[in-house]
N, C-alpha and C. Protein backbone atom coordinates (compact mmCIF):
# COMPACT_ATOMS: atom_id res chain seq x y z
N MET A 1 -14.69 -3.22 -39.77
CA MET A 1 -13.65 -4.02 -39.13
C MET A 1 -12.47 -4.17 -40.08
N THR A 2 -11.31 -4.06 -39.53
CA THR A 2 -10.11 -4.13 -40.35
C THR A 2 -9.43 -5.48 -40.25
N GLY A 3 -9.91 -6.35 -39.36
CA GLY A 3 -9.26 -7.64 -39.19
C GLY A 3 -8.12 -7.60 -38.18
N GLN A 4 -7.84 -6.42 -37.63
CA GLN A 4 -6.78 -6.28 -36.64
C GLN A 4 -7.38 -6.33 -35.25
N LEU A 5 -6.52 -6.49 -34.26
CA LEU A 5 -6.99 -6.47 -32.88
C LEU A 5 -7.55 -5.09 -32.55
N GLN A 6 -8.65 -5.06 -31.83
CA GLN A 6 -9.29 -3.82 -31.46
C GLN A 6 -9.08 -3.56 -29.97
N ARG A 7 -8.88 -2.31 -29.60
CA ARG A 7 -8.78 -1.94 -28.19
C ARG A 7 -10.19 -1.83 -27.61
N VAL A 8 -10.36 -2.37 -26.42
CA VAL A 8 -11.64 -2.29 -25.73
C VAL A 8 -11.43 -1.45 -24.48
N GLY A 9 -12.12 -0.34 -24.38
CA GLY A 9 -11.95 0.53 -23.22
C GLY A 9 -10.55 1.09 -23.17
N ASP A 10 -9.99 1.17 -21.98
CA ASP A 10 -8.63 1.69 -21.81
C ASP A 10 -7.76 0.57 -21.28
N ASP A 11 -7.32 -0.31 -22.16
CA ASP A 11 -6.47 -1.41 -21.73
C ASP A 11 -4.99 -1.13 -21.99
N GLY A 12 -4.66 0.16 -22.11
CA GLY A 12 -3.28 0.57 -22.30
C GLY A 12 -2.52 0.51 -20.98
N PRO A 13 -1.26 0.89 -21.00
CA PRO A 13 -0.47 0.87 -19.76
C PRO A 13 -1.01 1.88 -18.75
N LEU A 14 -0.80 1.58 -17.48
CA LEU A 14 -1.23 2.45 -16.40
C LEU A 14 -0.43 3.75 -16.47
N ARG A 15 -1.08 4.88 -16.22
CA ARG A 15 -0.45 6.19 -16.33
C ARG A 15 -0.15 6.77 -14.96
N CYS A 16 0.91 7.55 -14.88
CA CYS A 16 1.32 8.22 -13.64
C CYS A 16 0.24 9.21 -13.21
N SER A 17 -0.01 9.28 -11.92
CA SER A 17 -1.03 10.20 -11.38
C SER A 17 -0.60 11.66 -11.47
N PHE A 18 0.68 11.92 -11.69
CA PHE A 18 1.19 13.29 -11.65
C PHE A 18 1.51 13.86 -13.02
N CYS A 19 2.11 13.05 -13.91
CA CYS A 19 2.56 13.61 -15.18
C CYS A 19 2.01 12.89 -16.41
N SER A 20 1.24 11.84 -16.24
CA SER A 20 0.61 11.07 -17.32
C SER A 20 1.59 10.24 -18.14
N ASN A 21 2.84 10.11 -17.71
CA ASN A 21 3.74 9.16 -18.37
C ASN A 21 3.35 7.75 -17.93
N GLU A 22 3.95 6.75 -18.57
CA GLU A 22 3.67 5.37 -18.18
C GLU A 22 4.18 5.12 -16.76
N ALA A 23 3.33 4.56 -15.91
CA ALA A 23 3.68 4.34 -14.51
C ALA A 23 4.62 3.15 -14.37
N ALA A 24 5.56 3.26 -13.43
CA ALA A 24 6.49 2.16 -13.15
C ALA A 24 5.91 1.23 -12.09
N GLY A 25 5.02 1.76 -11.24
CA GLY A 25 4.41 0.96 -10.19
C GLY A 25 3.66 1.84 -9.22
N PRO A 26 3.09 1.24 -8.16
CA PRO A 26 2.32 2.03 -7.20
C PRO A 26 3.21 2.65 -6.12
N CYS A 27 2.72 3.73 -5.54
CA CYS A 27 3.37 4.34 -4.38
C CYS A 27 3.24 3.36 -3.21
N ALA A 28 4.29 3.19 -2.44
CA ALA A 28 4.27 2.25 -1.32
C ALA A 28 3.38 2.74 -0.19
N SER A 29 3.04 4.02 -0.18
CA SER A 29 2.24 4.57 0.91
C SER A 29 0.76 4.71 0.52
N CYS A 30 0.46 5.39 -0.58
CA CYS A 30 -0.93 5.63 -0.97
C CYS A 30 -1.40 4.77 -2.14
N GLU A 31 -0.50 4.04 -2.76
CA GLU A 31 -0.76 3.12 -3.86
C GLU A 31 -1.19 3.80 -5.15
N ALA A 32 -0.92 5.10 -5.29
CA ALA A 32 -1.19 5.79 -6.55
C ALA A 32 -0.13 5.38 -7.57
N PRO A 33 -0.50 5.19 -8.84
CA PRO A 33 0.50 4.84 -9.85
C PRO A 33 1.46 6.00 -10.10
N VAL A 34 2.76 5.72 -10.09
CA VAL A 34 3.77 6.76 -10.31
C VAL A 34 4.83 6.27 -11.29
N CYS A 35 5.43 7.23 -11.99
CA CYS A 35 6.55 6.91 -12.88
C CYS A 35 7.85 7.11 -12.10
N GLY A 36 8.96 6.81 -12.71
CA GLY A 36 10.26 6.94 -12.07
C GLY A 36 10.65 8.37 -11.77
N ASP A 37 10.11 9.33 -12.54
CA ASP A 37 10.45 10.74 -12.31
C ASP A 37 9.64 11.37 -11.19
N CYS A 38 8.48 10.79 -10.88
CA CYS A 38 7.57 11.39 -9.89
C CYS A 38 7.57 10.64 -8.57
N CYS A 39 8.66 9.95 -8.26
CA CYS A 39 8.73 9.23 -6.99
C CYS A 39 10.10 9.42 -6.35
N THR A 40 10.17 9.17 -5.07
CA THR A 40 11.44 9.18 -4.33
C THR A 40 11.56 7.84 -3.62
N LEU A 41 12.78 7.50 -3.25
CA LEU A 41 13.02 6.22 -2.58
C LEU A 41 13.00 6.41 -1.08
N THR A 42 12.48 5.42 -0.37
CA THR A 42 12.38 5.49 1.09
C THR A 42 13.74 5.30 1.72
N GLU A 43 13.84 5.65 2.99
CA GLU A 43 15.09 5.52 3.72
C GLU A 43 14.87 4.71 5.00
N GLY A 44 15.89 4.00 5.43
CA GLY A 44 15.89 3.38 6.74
C GLY A 44 15.20 2.04 6.85
N GLY A 45 14.83 1.43 5.77
CA GLY A 45 14.17 0.14 5.84
C GLY A 45 15.07 -0.97 5.34
N ALA A 46 14.62 -2.20 5.53
CA ALA A 46 15.38 -3.33 5.03
C ALA A 46 15.31 -3.40 3.51
N LYS A 47 14.22 -2.90 2.94
CA LYS A 47 14.03 -2.89 1.50
C LYS A 47 13.70 -1.46 1.08
N THR A 48 14.14 -1.06 -0.09
CA THR A 48 13.88 0.28 -0.59
C THR A 48 12.55 0.27 -1.35
N TRP A 49 11.68 1.24 -1.03
CA TRP A 49 10.38 1.37 -1.68
C TRP A 49 10.31 2.72 -2.35
N ALA A 50 9.47 2.84 -3.36
CA ALA A 50 9.25 4.12 -4.04
C ALA A 50 7.95 4.72 -3.52
N ILE A 51 7.99 6.01 -3.17
CA ILE A 51 6.78 6.72 -2.75
C ILE A 51 6.60 7.94 -3.63
N CYS A 52 5.34 8.36 -3.81
CA CYS A 52 5.06 9.50 -4.68
C CYS A 52 5.52 10.79 -4.03
N LEU A 53 5.59 11.84 -4.82
CA LEU A 53 6.07 13.13 -4.33
C LEU A 53 5.13 13.72 -3.29
N ASP A 54 3.81 13.51 -3.42
CA ASP A 54 2.87 14.02 -2.42
C ASP A 54 3.10 13.37 -1.06
N CYS A 55 3.27 12.04 -1.03
CA CYS A 55 3.53 11.36 0.24
C CYS A 55 4.88 11.76 0.82
N ASP A 56 5.84 12.02 -0.05
CA ASP A 56 7.16 12.49 0.42
C ASP A 56 7.03 13.85 1.10
N ARG A 57 6.21 14.74 0.51
CA ARG A 57 6.01 16.06 1.10
C ARG A 57 5.22 15.98 2.41
N LYS A 58 4.19 15.15 2.44
CA LYS A 58 3.31 15.07 3.61
C LYS A 58 3.92 14.28 4.76
N LYS A 59 4.49 13.12 4.47
CA LYS A 59 4.92 12.19 5.53
C LYS A 59 6.43 12.01 5.60
N GLY A 60 7.15 12.45 4.62
CA GLY A 60 8.58 12.20 4.57
C GLY A 60 8.87 10.86 3.92
N ARG A 61 10.13 10.50 3.87
CA ARG A 61 10.52 9.28 3.16
C ARG A 61 10.43 8.03 4.01
N SER A 62 9.96 8.15 5.21
CA SER A 62 9.88 6.99 6.10
C SER A 62 8.53 6.31 5.96
N LEU A 63 8.52 5.00 6.03
CA LEU A 63 7.29 4.22 6.01
C LEU A 63 6.89 3.78 7.41
N SER A 64 7.38 4.49 8.43
CA SER A 64 7.09 4.09 9.81
C SER A 64 5.60 4.13 10.11
N HIS A 65 4.87 5.08 9.52
CA HIS A 65 3.43 5.15 9.75
C HIS A 65 2.74 3.90 9.20
N ALA A 66 3.13 3.47 8.02
CA ALA A 66 2.53 2.26 7.42
C ALA A 66 2.85 1.03 8.26
N TRP A 67 4.09 0.90 8.72
CA TRP A 67 4.45 -0.23 9.56
C TRP A 67 3.76 -0.15 10.92
N GLY A 68 3.60 1.05 11.47
CA GLY A 68 2.92 1.22 12.74
C GLY A 68 1.46 0.81 12.67
N SER A 69 0.78 1.20 11.58
CA SER A 69 -0.63 0.80 11.44
C SER A 69 -0.76 -0.70 11.21
N PHE A 70 0.19 -1.30 10.53
CA PHE A 70 0.18 -2.75 10.35
C PHE A 70 0.39 -3.46 11.69
N GLY A 71 1.31 -2.96 12.51
CA GLY A 71 1.55 -3.53 13.84
C GLY A 71 0.33 -3.39 14.74
N THR A 72 -0.34 -2.23 14.66
CA THR A 72 -1.57 -2.02 15.44
C THR A 72 -2.65 -3.00 15.00
N PHE A 73 -2.75 -3.24 13.71
CA PHE A 73 -3.71 -4.22 13.19
C PHE A 73 -3.42 -5.61 13.75
N LEU A 74 -2.16 -6.02 13.75
CA LEU A 74 -1.80 -7.34 14.28
C LEU A 74 -2.06 -7.45 15.78
N ILE A 75 -1.75 -6.40 16.52
CA ILE A 75 -2.00 -6.40 17.96
C ILE A 75 -3.51 -6.46 18.23
N GLY A 76 -4.29 -5.77 17.42
CA GLY A 76 -5.74 -5.84 17.55
C GLY A 76 -6.28 -7.25 17.37
N ILE A 77 -5.74 -7.97 16.40
CA ILE A 77 -6.14 -9.37 16.18
C ILE A 77 -5.78 -10.21 17.39
N LEU A 78 -4.60 -10.03 17.95
CA LEU A 78 -4.18 -10.79 19.12
C LEU A 78 -5.05 -10.49 20.34
N VAL A 79 -5.44 -9.23 20.51
CA VAL A 79 -6.31 -8.87 21.63
C VAL A 79 -7.68 -9.53 21.48
N VAL A 80 -8.23 -9.53 20.29
CA VAL A 80 -9.53 -10.18 20.05
C VAL A 80 -9.42 -11.68 20.30
N LEU A 81 -8.37 -12.32 19.84
CA LEU A 81 -8.19 -13.76 20.07
C LEU A 81 -8.01 -14.06 21.55
N ALA A 82 -7.26 -13.24 22.26
CA ALA A 82 -7.06 -13.44 23.70
C ALA A 82 -8.38 -13.27 24.45
N ALA A 83 -9.19 -12.31 24.04
CA ALA A 83 -10.49 -12.12 24.68
C ALA A 83 -11.39 -13.32 24.42
N ALA A 84 -11.37 -13.85 23.20
CA ALA A 84 -12.19 -15.02 22.88
C ALA A 84 -11.75 -16.22 23.71
N VAL A 85 -10.46 -16.43 23.86
CA VAL A 85 -9.96 -17.55 24.67
C VAL A 85 -10.35 -17.35 26.13
N GLY A 86 -10.26 -16.12 26.63
CA GLY A 86 -10.65 -15.82 28.01
C GLY A 86 -12.13 -16.08 28.25
N ILE A 87 -12.96 -15.68 27.31
CA ILE A 87 -14.40 -15.91 27.44
C ILE A 87 -14.71 -17.40 27.41
N MET A 88 -14.07 -18.14 26.50
CA MET A 88 -14.30 -19.60 26.44
C MET A 88 -13.83 -20.30 27.68
N ALA A 89 -12.71 -19.86 28.25
CA ALA A 89 -12.20 -20.45 29.50
C ALA A 89 -13.16 -20.15 30.64
N TRP A 90 -13.68 -18.93 30.69
CA TRP A 90 -14.63 -18.57 31.74
C TRP A 90 -15.93 -19.35 31.62
N LEU A 91 -16.42 -19.53 30.37
CA LEU A 91 -17.64 -20.30 30.15
C LEU A 91 -17.46 -21.77 30.47
N SER A 92 -16.31 -22.33 30.18
CA SER A 92 -16.09 -23.76 30.46
C SER A 92 -15.91 -24.02 31.96
N ALA A 93 -15.52 -23.00 32.73
CA ALA A 93 -15.37 -23.16 34.18
C ALA A 93 -16.72 -23.14 34.88
N HIS A 94 -17.73 -22.56 34.27
CA HIS A 94 -19.05 -22.49 34.90
C HIS A 94 -19.89 -23.62 34.46
């Protein structure tokens, strides 16, 4: 022991999935860590997000798929709640 702080495991900065440089943050679509050189900025939204180069090639710069799946998730919750209310109303009438 040298009396200095010791590294345990890999507690260094997060590395980019593409080039191994220090990552700036996650991809807004797939959440892979990316650096500033390996990402592109999204278009057409209220806020600008960074997406990795793979997601840019596969899906384009739009996050419409992510917003669409989020909207479907919310609609699914509303349908389940409406069904539960309908069942409870039917049971209370009998």
